Protein backbone atom coordinates (compact mmCIF):
# COMPACT_ATOMS: atom_id res chain seq x y z
CA MET A 1 52.58 37.07 81.93
CA TYR A 2 55.80 35.70 80.46
CA TYR A 3 59.05 37.54 80.44
CA VAL A 4 62.11 37.58 78.32
CA TYR A 5 64.81 38.98 80.50
CA VAL A 6 68.49 39.96 80.43
CA LEU A 7 70.79 39.65 83.37
CA TYR A 8 74.25 41.28 83.51
CA ASN A 9 77.11 39.78 85.53
CA LEU A 10 78.37 42.46 87.86
CA ASP A 11 81.62 40.67 88.90
CA ASP A 12 83.03 39.74 85.47
CA GLU A 13 83.48 43.08 83.76
CA SER A 14 86.16 41.83 81.46
CA ALA A 15 83.84 39.19 79.97
CA LYS A 16 80.76 41.44 79.99
CA LYS A 17 78.61 38.41 80.45
CA ILE A 18 74.91 38.67 79.88
CA TYR A 19 72.30 35.99 80.19
CA ILE A 20 69.06 35.89 78.28
CA GLY A 21 66.15 33.77 79.55
CA VAL A 22 62.40 33.41 79.72
CA THR A 23 60.16 32.93 82.79
CA ASP A 24 56.66 33.40 84.14
CA ASP A 25 58.03 34.77 87.47
CA LEU A 26 60.80 37.31 86.99
CA ILE A 27 61.57 37.96 90.65
CA ARG A 28 61.80 34.24 91.53
CA ARG A 29 64.00 33.55 88.52
CA VAL A 30 66.48 36.26 89.29
CA ARG A 31 66.69 34.86 92.88
CA GLU A 32 67.42 31.44 91.45
CA HIS A 33 70.24 32.77 89.24
CA ASN A 34 71.84 34.57 92.16
CA SER A 35 71.56 31.61 94.54
CA GLY A 36 73.30 29.18 92.15
CA GLN A 37 70.08 27.23 91.21
CA SER A 38 70.56 27.84 87.52
CA LYS A 39 73.10 25.58 85.85
CA TRP A 40 74.53 28.09 83.33
CA THR A 41 74.77 31.10 85.63
CA SER A 42 76.00 29.38 88.80
CA GLY A 43 79.48 30.39 89.77
CA PHE A 44 79.33 33.62 87.73
CA GLY A 45 77.11 35.88 89.93
CA PRO A 46 75.90 38.21 91.16
CA TRP A 47 73.47 38.93 88.32
CA LYS A 48 71.53 42.13 87.92
CA PRO A 49 68.41 42.35 85.75
CA VAL A 50 68.93 45.17 83.22
CA TYR A 51 66.16 44.57 80.69
CA TYR A 52 62.94 42.65 80.22
CA GLU A 53 60.00 42.36 77.76
CA ALA A 54 56.55 41.07 78.84
CA TYR A 55 54.32 38.79 76.74
CA LEU A 56 50.85 37.38 77.25
CA SER A 57 51.81 34.17 75.46
CA ALA A 58 54.54 31.73 76.48
CA LYS A 59 55.03 30.83 72.80
CA ASP A 60 55.70 34.53 71.89
CA ALA A 61 58.20 34.84 74.77
CA ILE A 62 60.04 31.67 73.84
CA ASN A 63 60.20 32.73 70.20
CA ARG A 64 61.62 36.13 71.16
CA GLU A 65 64.20 34.52 73.45
CA ARG A 66 65.35 32.19 70.64
CA LYS A 67 65.56 35.13 68.20
CA LEU A 68 67.73 37.10 70.59
CA LYS A 69 70.05 34.17 71.40
CA HIS A 70 70.38 32.70 67.90
CA HIS A 71 69.92 35.54 65.45
CA GLY A 72 73.21 36.77 64.13
CA LYS A 73 72.81 40.34 65.34
CA GLY A 74 70.38 39.64 68.18
CA VAL A 75 72.84 39.83 71.06
CA SER A 76 74.92 42.72 69.65
CA GLU A 77 71.76 44.83 69.07
CA LEU A 78 70.50 43.98 72.51
CA LYS A 79 73.82 45.00 74.10
CA LYS A 80 73.54 48.36 72.40
CA ARG A 81 69.99 48.73 73.59
CA ILE A 82 70.84 48.02 77.24
CA GLU A 83 74.19 49.85 77.33
CA ASP A 84 72.92 52.68 79.59
CA SER A 85 71.14 50.19 81.91
CA VAL A 86 74.37 48.15 82.33
CA TYR A 87 76.35 51.30 83.08
CA LYS A 88 73.80 52.28 85.74
CA ALA A 89 73.80 48.77 87.23
CA LYS A 90 77.56 48.89 87.60
CA LYS A 91 77.47 52.41 89.08
CA VAL A 92 74.96 51.40 91.75
CA ARG A 93 77.22 48.47 92.69
CA ASP A 94 80.39 50.56 93.08
């Protein structure tokens, strides 16, 4: 399986940072983000997974990730979709 995932930065509420990525091992990848092994997310953690989609094909997962990252409304629509999950992630943290 391949996963397109969304992480939410729990410490930077003012920026409301999210990270969209693709992986074949979701648990390992989240650990890498939180331990500073990912270039873009290092220094911004901790990161909480708030959404993912599973695909059988790596190509499908990569295409979906690109569409979310680079489509004009992709990120804003995704933020609306995960709004409740982000709220719950923050509440668990507090």
